[in-house]
PDB file of N, CA and C in Angstrom:
ATOM      1  N   UNK A   1     -57.310 233.598 249.779  1.00  0.00           N
ATOM      2  CA  UNK A   1     -56.612 233.732 248.511  1.00  0.00           C
ATOM      3  C   UNK A   1     -55.582 232.614 248.370  1.00  0.00           C
ATOM      4  N   UNK A   2     -55.484 232.045 247.213  1.00  0.00           N
ATOM      5  CA  UNK A   2     -54.535 230.972 246.942  1.00  0.00           C
ATOM      6  C   UNK A   2     -53.131 231.544 246.785  1.00  0.00           C
ATOM      7  N   UNK A   3     -52.147 230.828 247.302  1.00  0.00           N
ATOM      8  CA  UNK A   3     -50.763 231.249 247.165  1.00  0.00           C
ATOM      9  C   UNK A   3     -49.987 230.192 246.395  1.00  0.00           C
ATOM     10  N   UNK A   4     -49.219 230.614 245.428  1.00  0.00           N
ATOM     11  CA  UNK A   4     -48.344 229.706 244.692  1.00  0.00           C
ATOM     12  C   UNK A   4     -47.016 229.633 245.434  1.00  0.00           C
ATOM     13  N   UNK A   5     -46.578 228.422 245.733  1.00  0.00           N
ATOM     14  CA  UNK A   5     -45.303 228.222 246.421  1.00  0.00           C
ATOM     15  C   UNK A   5     -44.280 227.766 245.389  1.00  0.00           C
ATOM     16  N   UNK A   6     -43.247 228.554 245.203  1.00  0.00           N
ATOM     17  CA  UNK A   6     -42.197 228.264 244.232  1.00  0.00           C
ATOM     18  C   UNK A   6     -41.060 227.547 244.964  1.00  0.00           C
ATOM     19  N   UNK A   7     -40.726 226.347 244.471  1.00  0.00           N
ATOM     20  CA  UNK A   7     -39.685 225.544 245.098  1.00  0.00           C
ATOM     21  C   UNK A   7     -38.474 225.453 244.184  1.00  0.00           C
ATOM     22  N   UNK A   8     -37.285 225.314 244.793  1.00  0.00           N
ATOM     23  CA  UNK A   8     -36.096 225.108 243.971  1.00  0.00           C
ATOM     24  C   UNK A   8     -35.926 223.606 243.720  1.00  0.00           C
ATOM     25  N   UNK A   9     -34.825 223.220 243.098  1.00  0.00           N
ATOM     26  CA  UNK A   9     -34.618 221.813 242.729  1.00  0.00           C
ATOM     27  C   UNK A   9     -34.531 220.890 243.934  1.00  0.00           C
ATOM     28  N   UNK A  10     -34.136 221.406 245.077  1.00  0.00           N
ATOM     29  CA  UNK A  10     -34.038 220.603 246.299  1.00  0.00           C
ATOM     30  C   UNK A  10     -35.345 220.616 247.083  1.00  0.00           C
ATOM     31  N   UNK A  11     -36.413 221.094 246.455  1.00  0.00           N
ATOM     32  CA  UNK A  11     -37.745 221.172 247.060  1.00  0.00           C
ATOM     33  C   UNK A  11     -37.777 222.122 248.261  1.00  0.00           C
ATOM     34  N   UNK A  12     -36.868 223.110 248.272  1.00  0.00           N
ATOM     35  CA  UNK A  12     -36.860 224.119 249.309  1.00  0.00           C
ATOM     36  C   UNK A  12     -37.666 225.320 248.824  1.00  0.00           C
ATOM     37  N   UNK A  13     -38.404 225.920 249.718  1.00  0.00           N
ATOM     38  CA  UNK A  13     -39.253 227.048 249.371  1.00  0.00           C
ATOM     39  C   UNK A  13     -38.417 228.246 248.935  1.00  0.00           C
ATOM     40  N   UNK A  14     -38.672 228.760 247.726  1.00  0.00           N
ATOM     41  CA  UNK A  14     -37.975 229.948 247.227  1.00  0.00           C
ATOM     42  C   UNK A  14     -38.831 231.192 247.394  1.00  0.00           C
ATOM     43  N   UNK A  15     -40.130 231.064 247.092  1.00  0.00           N
ATOM     44  CA  UNK A  15     -40.995 232.237 247.152  1.00  0.00           C
ATOM     45  C   UNK A  15     -42.443 231.796 247.319  1.00  0.00           C
ATOM     46  N   UNK A  16     -43.242 232.688 247.865  1.00  0.00           N
ATOM     47  CA  UNK A  16     -44.682 232.477 247.962  1.00  0.00           C
ATOM     48  C   UNK A  16     -45.327 233.644 247.239  1.00  0.00           C
ATOM     49  N   UNK A  17     -46.096 233.320 246.204  1.00  0.00           N
ATOM     50  CA  UNK A  17     -46.701 234.355 245.378  1.00  0.00           C
ATOM     51  C   UNK A  17     -48.217 234.254 245.434  1.00  0.00           C
ATOM     52  N   UNK A  18     -48.914 235.389 245.443  1.00  0.00           N
ATOM     53  CA  UNK A  18     -50.373 235.328 245.418  1.00  0.00           C
ATOM     54  C   UNK A  18     -50.866 234.887 244.039  1.00  0.00           C
ATOM     55  N   UNK A  19     -51.811 233.970 244.014  1.00  0.00           N
ATOM     56  CA  UNK A  19     -52.375 233.508 242.750  1.00  0.00           C
ATOM     57  C   UNK A  19     -51.428 232.585 242.007  1.00  0.00           C
ATOM     58  N   UNK A  20     -51.910 232.032 240.917  1.00  0.00           N
ATOM     59  CA  UNK A  20     -51.100 231.153 240.071  1.00  0.00           C
ATOM     60  C   UNK A  20     -50.929 231.825 238.726  1.00  0.00           C
ATOM     61  N   UNK A  21     -49.731 231.914 238.267  1.00  0.00           N
ATOM     62  CA  UNK A  21     -49.428 232.462 236.951  1.00  0.00           C
ATOM     63  C   UNK A  21     -49.097 231.297 236.031  1.00  0.00           C
ATOM     64  N   UNK A  22     -49.657 231.296 234.838  1.00  0.00           N
ATOM     65  CA  UNK A  22     -49.480 230.166 233.927  1.00  0.00           C
ATOM     66  C   UNK A  22     -48.022 229.934 233.572  1.00  0.00           C
ATOM     67  N   UNK A  23     -47.226 230.990 233.464  1.00  0.00           N
ATOM     68  CA  UNK A  23     -45.836 230.774 233.081  1.00  0.00           C
ATOM     69  C   UNK A  23     -45.052 230.055 234.175  1.00  0.00           C
ATOM     70  N   UNK A  24     -45.446 230.182 235.443  1.00  0.00           N
ATOM     71  CA  UNK A  24     -44.785 229.412 236.494  1.00  0.00           C
ATOM     72  C   UNK A  24     -45.041 227.920 236.300  1.00  0.00           C
ATOM     73  N   UNK A  25     -46.271 227.575 235.922  1.00  0.00           N
ATOM     74  CA  UNK A  25     -46.623 226.176 235.705  1.00  0.00           C
ATOM     75  C   UNK A  25     -45.881 225.640 234.491  1.00  0.00           C
ATOM     76  N   UNK A  26     -45.906 226.388 233.411  1.00  0.00           N
ATOM     77  CA  UNK A  26     -45.318 225.904 232.165  1.00  0.00           C
ATOM     78  C   UNK A  26     -43.796 225.859 232.217  1.00  0.00           C
ATOM     79  N   UNK A  27     -43.166 226.710 233.010  1.00  0.00           N
ATOM     80  CA  UNK A  27     -41.706 226.716 233.103  1.00  0.00           C
ATOM     81  C   UNK A  27     -41.192 225.723 234.141  1.00  0.00           C
ATOM     82  N   UNK A  28     -42.081 225.049 234.844  1.00  0.00           N
ATOM     83  CA  UNK A  28     -41.663 224.017 235.771  1.00  0.00           C
ATOM     84  C   UNK A  28     -41.431 224.464 237.197  1.00  0.00           C
ATOM     85  N   UNK A  29     -41.747 225.713 237.518  1.00  0.00           N
ATOM     86  CA  UNK A  29     -41.541 226.179 238.882  1.00  0.00           C
ATOM     87  C   UNK A  29     -42.541 225.532 239.836  1.00  0.00           C
ATOM     88  N   UNK A  30     -43.732 225.230 239.346  1.00  0.00           N
ATOM     89  CA  UNK A  30     -44.726 224.508 240.126  1.00  0.00           C
ATOM     90  C   UNK A  30     -44.745 223.088 239.576  1.00  0.00           C
ATOM     91  N   UNK A  31     -44.414 222.101 240.396  1.00  0.00           N
ATOM     92  CA  UNK A  31     -44.297 220.734 239.875  1.00  0.00           C
ATOM     93  C   UNK A  31     -45.643 220.154 239.440  1.00  0.00           C
ATOM     94  N   UNK A  32     -45.809 219.998 238.139  1.00  0.00           N
ATOM     95  CA  UNK A  32     -46.992 219.386 237.543  1.00  0.00           C
ATOM     96  C   UNK A  32     -46.483 218.356 236.548  1.00  0.00           C
ATOM     97  N   UNK A  33     -47.073 217.158 236.544  1.00  0.00           N
ATOM     98  CA  UNK A  33     -46.614 216.127 235.601  1.00  0.00           C
ATOM     99  C   UNK A  33     -46.672 216.605 234.151  1.00  0.00           C
ATOM    100  N   UNK A  34     -45.745 216.112 233.345  1.00  0.00           N
ATOM    101  CA  UNK A  34     -45.653 216.513 231.946  1.00  0.00           C
ATOM    102  C   UNK A  34     -46.960 216.239 231.199  1.00  0.00           C
ATOM    103  N   UNK A  35     -47.593 215.116 231.510  1.00  0.00           N
ATOM    104  CA  UNK A  35     -48.856 214.758 230.870  1.00  0.00           C
ATOM    105  C   UNK A  35     -49.919 215.827 231.096  1.00  0.00           C
ATOM    106  N   UNK A  36     -49.999 216.336 232.312  1.00  0.00           N
ATOM    107  CA  UNK A  36     -51.005 217.368 232.627  1.00  0.00           C
ATOM    108  C   UNK A  36     -50.664 218.683 231.917  1.00  0.00           C
ATOM    109  N   UNK A  37     -49.367 218.984 231.800  1.00  0.00           N
ATOM    110  CA  UNK A  37     -48.963 220.190 231.070  1.00  0.00           C
ATOM    111  C   UNK A  37     -49.370 220.091 229.598  1.00  0.00           C
ATOM    112  N   UNK A  38     -49.207 218.905 229.015  1.00  0.00           N
ATOM    113  CA  UNK A  38     -49.602 218.722 227.612  1.00  0.00           C
ATOM    114  C   UNK A  38     -51.117 218.880 227.446  1.00  0.00           C
ATOM    115  N   UNK A  39     -51.873 218.349 228.397  1.00  0.00           N
ATOM    116  CA  UNK A  39     -53.327 218.528 228.346  1.00  0.00           C
ATOM    117  C   UNK A  39     -53.683 220.007 228.490  1.00  0.00           C
ATOM    118  N   UNK A  40     -52.992 220.693 229.372  1.00  0.00           N
ATOM    119  CA  UNK A  40     -53.230 222.126 229.574  1.00  0.00           C
ATOM    120  C   UNK A  40     -52.949 222.909 228.289  1.00  0.00           C
ATOM    121  N   UNK A  41     -51.830 222.611 227.642  1.00  0.00           N
ATOM    122  CA  UNK A  41     -51.484 223.311 226.399  1.00  0.00           C
ATOM    123  C   UNK A  41     -52.451 222.976 225.265  1.00  0.00           C
ATOM    124  N   UNK A  42     -52.873 221.713 225.190  1.00  0.00           N
ATOM    125  CA  UNK A  42     -53.840 221.326 224.156  1.00  0.00           C
ATOM    126  C   UNK A  42     -55.165 222.051 224.373  1.00  0.00           C
ATOM    127  N   UNK A  43     -55.618 222.106 225.615  1.00  0.00           N
ATOM    128  CA  UNK A  43     -56.855 222.823 225.922  1.00  0.00           C
ATOM    129  C   UNK A  43     -56.735 224.303 225.636  1.00  0.00           C
ATOM    130  N   UNK A  44     -55.576 224.878 225.933  1.00  0.00           N
ATOM    131  CA  UNK A  44     -55.338 226.291 225.648  1.00  0.00           C
ATOM    132  C   UNK A  44     -55.393 226.559 224.149  1.00  0.00           C
ATOM    133  N   UNK A  45     -54.735 225.698 223.364  1.00  0.00           N
ATOM    134  CA  UNK A  45     -54.732 225.870 221.910  1.00  0.00           C
ATOM    135  C   UNK A  45     -56.143 225.727 221.339  1.00  0.00           C
ATOM    136  N   UNK A  46     -56.876 224.714 221.797  1.00  0.00           N
ATOM    137  CA  UNK A  46     -58.243 224.505 221.312  1.00  0.00           C
ATOM    138  C   UNK A  46     -59.150 225.677 221.670  1.00  0.00           C
ATOM    139  N   UNK A  47     -59.078 226.116 222.909  1.00  0.00           N
ATOM    140  CA  UNK A  47     -59.965 227.192 223.340  1.00  0.00           C
ATOM    141  C   UNK A  47     -59.604 228.521 222.691  1.00  0.00           C
ATOM    142  N   UNK A  48     -58.327 228.773 222.490  1.00  0.00           N
ATOM    143  CA  UNK A  48     -57.928 230.004 221.802  1.00  0.00           C
ATOM    144  C   UNK A  48     -58.395 230.015 220.351  1.00  0.00           C
ATOM    145  N   UNK A  49     -58.163 228.912 219.669  1.00  0.00           N
ATOM    146  CA  UNK A  49     -58.550 228.837 218.268  1.00  0.00           C
ATOM    147  C   UNK A  49     -60.062 228.990 218.095  1.00  0.00           C
ATOM    148  N   UNK A  50     -60.826 228.181 218.819  1.00  0.00           N
ATOM    149  CA  UNK A  50     -62.285 228.260 218.699  1.00  0.00           C
ATOM    150  C   UNK A  50     -62.809 229.578 219.265  1.00  0.00           C
ATOM    151  N   UNK A  51     -62.181 230.066 220.331  1.00  0.00           N
ATOM    152  CA  UNK A  51     -62.614 231.336 220.924  1.00  0.00           C
ATOM    153  C   UNK A  51     -62.384 232.527 220.020  1.00  0.00           C
ATOM    154  N   UNK A  52     -61.281 232.512 219.276  1.00  0.00           N
ATOM    155  CA  UNK A  52     -61.010 233.610 218.349  1.00  0.00           C
ATOM    156  C   UNK A  52     -61.876 233.523 217.097  1.00  0.00           C
ATOM    157  N   UNK A  53     -62.157 232.299 216.660  1.00  0.00           N
ATOM    158  CA  UNK A  53     -62.985 232.131 215.467  1.00  0.00           C
ATOM    159  C   UNK A  53     -64.463 232.414 215.733  1.00  0.00           C
ATOM    160  N   UNK A  54     -64.926 232.060 216.928  1.00  0.00           N
ATOM    161  CA  UNK A  54     -66.351 232.210 217.231  1.00  0.00           C
ATOM    162  C   UNK A  54     -66.544 233.133 218.426  1.00  0.00           C
ATOM    163  N   UNK A  55     -66.507 232.595 219.625  1.00  0.00           N
ATOM    164  CA  UNK A  55     -66.595 233.411 220.840  1.00  0.00           C
ATOM    165  C   UNK A  55     -65.938 232.627 221.978  1.00  0.00           C
ATOM    166  N   UNK A  56     -65.567 233.297 223.073  1.00  0.00           N
ATOM    167  CA  UNK A  56     -64.862 232.611 224.156  1.00  0.00           C
ATOM    168  C   UNK A  56     -65.638 231.426 224.752  1.00  0.00           C
ATOM    169  N   UNK A  57     -66.936 231.533 224.829  1.00  0.00           N
ATOM    170  CA  UNK A  57     -67.727 230.430 225.376  1.00  0.00           C
ATOM    171  C   UNK A  57     -67.646 229.195 224.481  1.00  0.00           C
ATOM    172  N   UNK A  58     -67.639 229.405 223.177  1.00  0.00           N
ATOM    173  CA  UNK A  58     -67.469 228.291 222.234  1.00  0.00           C
ATOM    174  C   UNK A  58     -66.073 227.685 222.407  1.00  0.00           C
ATOM    175  N   UNK A  59     -65.085 228.510 222.670  1.00  0.00           N
ATOM    176  CA  UNK A  59     -63.732 228.012 222.918  1.00  0.00           C
ATOM    177  C   UNK A  59     -63.673 227.108 224.136  1.00  0.00           C
ATOM    178  N   UNK A  60     -64.316 227.526 225.215  1.00  0.00           N
ATOM    179  CA  UNK A  60     -64.361 226.703 226.424  1.00  0.00           C
ATOM    180  C   UNK A  60     -65.104 225.399 226.161  1.00  0.00           C
ATOM    181  N   UNK A  61     -66.232 225.487 225.486  1.00  0.00           N
ATOM    182  CA  UNK A  61     -67.015 224.284 225.177  1.00  0.00           C
ATOM    183  C   UNK A  61     -66.230 223.328 224.283  1.00  0.00           C
ATOM    184  N   UNK A  62     -65.499 223.868 223.329  1.00  0.00           N
ATOM    185  CA  UNK A  62     -64.695 223.024 222.433  1.00  0.00           C
ATOM    186  C   UNK A  62     -63.635 222.266 223.213  1.00  0.00           C
ATOM    187  N   UNK A  63     -62.924 222.957 224.098  1.00  0.00           N
ATOM    188  CA  UNK A  63     -61.901 222.292 224.903  1.00  0.00           C
ATOM    189  C   UNK A  63     -62.522 221.218 225.789  1.00  0.00           C
ATOM    190  N   UNK A  64     -63.694 221.500 226.365  1.00  0.00           N
ATOM    191  CA  UNK A  64     -64.357 220.525 227.237  1.00  0.00           C
ATOM    192  C   UNK A  64     -64.813 219.295 226.460  1.00  0.00           C
ATOM    193  N   UNK A  65     -65.415 219.509 225.300  1.00  0.00           N
ATOM    194  CA  UNK A  65     -65.919 218.383 224.505  1.00  0.00           C
ATOM    195  C   UNK A  65     -64.767 217.535 223.971  1.00  0.00           C
ATOM    196  N   UNK A  66     -63.749 218.182 223.417  1.00  0.00           N
ATOM    197  CA  UNK A  66     -62.617 217.429 222.871  1.00  0.00           C
ATOM    198  C   UNK A  66     -61.881 216.692 223.999  1.00  0.00           C
ATOM    199  N   UNK A  67     -61.718 217.331 225.149  1.00  0.00           N
ATOM    200  CA  UNK A  67     -61.073 216.673 226.280  1.00  0.00           C
ATOM    201  C   UNK A  67     -61.861 215.462 226.758  1.00  0.00           C
ATOM    202  N   UNK A  68     -63.180 215.598 226.839  1.00  0.00           N
ATOM    203  CA  UNK A  68     -64.019 214.476 227.267  1.00  0.00           C
ATOM    204  C   UNK A  68     -63.984 213.347 226.244  1.00  0.00           C
ATOM    205  N   UNK A  69     -64.082 213.698 224.961  1.00  0.00           N
ATOM    206  CA  UNK A  69     -64.047 212.669 223.916  1.00  0.00           C
ATOM    207  C   UNK A  69     -62.711 211.937 223.890  1.00  0.00           C
ATOM    208  N   UNK A  70     -61.628 212.668 224.109  1.00  0.00           N
ATOM    209  CA  UNK A  70     -60.308 212.034 224.128  1.00  0.00           C
ATOM    210  C   UNK A  70     -60.222 211.020 225.268  1.00  0.00           C
ATOM    211  N   UNK A  71     -60.683 211.408 226.444  1.00  0.00           N
ATOM    212  CA  UNK A  71     -60.631 210.502 227.590  1.00  0.00           C
ATOM    213  C   UNK A  71     -61.562 209.301 227.400  1.00  0.00           C
ATOM    214  N   UNK A  72     -62.746 209.537 226.865  1.00  0.00           N
ATOM    215  CA  UNK A  72     -63.714 208.447 226.706  1.00  0.00           C
ATOM    216  C   UNK A  72     -63.334 207.520 225.560  1.00  0.00           C
ATOM    217  N   UNK A  73     -63.103 208.074 224.375  1.00  0.00           N
ATOM    218  CA  UNK A  73     -62.874 207.230 223.197  1.00  0.00           C
ATOM    219  C   UNK A  73     -61.453 206.684 223.168  1.00  0.00           C
ATOM    220  N   UNK A  74     -60.465 207.562 223.177  1.00  0.00           N
ATOM    221  CA  UNK A  74     -59.072 207.137 222.997  1.00  0.00           C
ATOM    222  C   UNK A  74     -58.573 206.318 224.196  1.00  0.00           C
ATOM    223  N   UNK A  75     -58.805 206.843 225.395  1.00  0.00           N
ATOM    224  CA  UNK A  75     -58.242 206.200 226.579  1.00  0.00           C
ATOM    225  C   UNK A  75     -59.101 205.037 227.095  1.00  0.00           C
ATOM    226  N   UNK A  76     -60.416 205.231 227.179  1.00  0.00           N
ATOM    227  CA  UNK A  76     -61.266 204.229 227.821  1.00  0.00           C
ATOM    228  C   UNK A  76     -61.720 203.146 226.850  1.00  0.00           C
ATOM    229  N   UNK A  77     -62.313 203.542 225.715  1.00  0.00           N
ATOM    230  CA  UNK A  77     -62.856 202.540 224.792  1.00  0.00           C
ATOM    231  C   UNK A  77     -61.774 201.844 223.970  1.00  0.00           C
ATOM    232  N   UNK A  78     -60.831 202.606 223.432  1.00  0.00           N
ATOM    233  CA  UNK A  78     -59.791 202.020 222.595  1.00  0.00           C
ATOM    234  C   UNK A  78     -58.602 201.498 223.400  1.00  0.00           C
ATOM    235  N   UNK A  79     -58.566 201.797 224.703  1.00  0.00           N
ATOM    236  CA  UNK A  79     -57.489 201.340 225.597  1.00  0.00           C
ATOM    237  C   UNK A  79     -56.097 201.766 225.130  1.00  0.00           C
ATOM    238  N   UNK A  80     -55.993 202.975 224.550  1.00  0.00           N
ATOM    239  CA  UNK A  80     -54.700 203.477 224.077  1.00  0.00           C
ATOM    240  C   UNK A  80     -54.033 204.376 225.111  1.00  0.00           C
ATOM    241  N   UNK A  81     -54.660 204.510 226.245  1.00  0.00           N
ATOM    242  CA  UNK A  81     -54.121 205.337 227.310  1.00  0.00           C
ATOM    243  C   UNK A  81     -54.854 205.029 228.597  1.00  0.00           C
ATOM    244  N   UNK A  82     -54.641 205.868 229.591  1.00  0.00           N
ATOM    245  CA  UNK A  82     -55.305 205.700 230.879  1.00  0.00           C
ATOM    246  C   UNK A  82     -56.292 206.839 231.073  1.00  0.00           C
ATOM    247  N   UNK A  83     -57.587 206.543 231.157  1.00  0.00           N
ATOM    248  CA  UNK A  83     -58.556 207.620 231.377  1.00  0.00           C
ATOM    249  C   UNK A  83     -58.413 208.202 232.783  1.00  0.00           C
ATOM    250  N   UNK A  84     -58.252 209.504 232.851  1.00  0.00           N
ATOM    251  CA  UNK A  84     -58.100 210.182 234.143  1.00  0.00           C
ATOM    252  C   UNK A  84     -58.942 211.446 234.163  1.00  0.00           C
ATOM    253  N   UNK A  85     -59.620 211.663 235.267  1.00  0.00           N
ATOM    254  CA  UNK A  85     -60.418 212.870 235.427  1.00  0.00           C
ATOM    255  C   UNK A  85     -59.529 214.113 235.423  1.00  0.00           C
ATOM    256  N   UNK A  86     -58.348 214.018 236.020  1.00  0.00           N
ATOM    257  CA  UNK A  86     -57.453 215.183 236.066  1.00  0.00           C
ATOM    258  C   UNK A  86     -56.921 215.566 234.676  1.00  0.00           C
ATOM    259  N   UNK A  87     -56.820 214.598 233.770  1.00  0.00           N
ATOM    260  CA  UNK A  87     -56.459 214.935 232.390  1.00  0.00           C
ATOM    261  C   UNK A  87     -57.553 215.807 231.772  1.00  0.00           C
ATOM    262  N   UNK A  88     -58.798 215.425 231.983  1.00  0.00           N
ATOM    263  CA  UNK A  88     -59.918 216.214 231.479  1.00  0.00           C
ATOM    264  C   UNK A  88     -59.924 217.609 232.109  1.00  0.00           C
ATOM    265  N   UNK A  89     -59.717 217.661 233.410  1.00  0.00           N
ATOM    266  CA  UNK A  89     -59.713 218.959 234.114  1.00  0.00           C
ATOM    267  C   UNK A  89     -58.591 219.855 233.587  1.00  0.00           C
ATOM    268  N   UNK A  90     -57.418 219.271 233.355  1.00  0.00           N
ATOM    269  CA  UNK A  90     -56.293 220.055 232.831  1.00  0.00           C
ATOM    270  C   UNK A  90     -56.590 220.575 231.424  1.00  0.00           C
ATOM    271  N   UNK A  91     -57.254 219.761 230.606  1.00  0.00           N
ATOM    272  CA  UNK A  91     -57.610 220.217 229.261  1.00  0.00           C
ATOM    273  C   UNK A  91     -58.576 221.383 229.318  1.00  0.00           C
ATOM    274  N   UNK A  92     -59.601 221.275 230.153  1.00  0.00           N
ATOM    275  CA  UNK A  92     -60.584 222.366 230.273  1.00  0.00           C
ATOM    276  C   UNK A  92     -59.963 223.602 230.894  1.00  0.00           C
ATOM    277  N   UNK A  93     -59.052 223.423 231.844  1.00  0.00           N
ATOM    278  CA  UNK A  93     -58.399 224.565 232.497  1.00  0.00           C
ATOM    279  C   UNK A  93     -57.563 225.385 231.516  1.00  0.00           C
ATOM    280  N   UNK A  94     -57.077 224.712 230.467  1.00  0.00           N
ATOM    281  CA  UNK A  94     -56.283 225.427 229.468  1.00  0.00           C
ATOM    282  C   UNK A  94     -57.110 226.436 228.753  1.00  0.00           C
TER     283      UNK A  94
END
């Protein structure tokens, strides 16, 4: 089982919790770069919207397709960002 390790500002261990809770990630208790958090929130918004309008599987597919297109077109082809696999993974995870 995965354990979430909660650290304080001095990087000292505060708590060890079973599993990962999204609010720990979003509130900054688990150190994740801001860019990945934005991808996570964008994927969450896309999947919720499409999932509520159609079905949850369509929501997941929408987040995956939009995340892949963003990395390929915006970041790689247009050179407006840095294409990263972890950005795509964070978008789909949302």
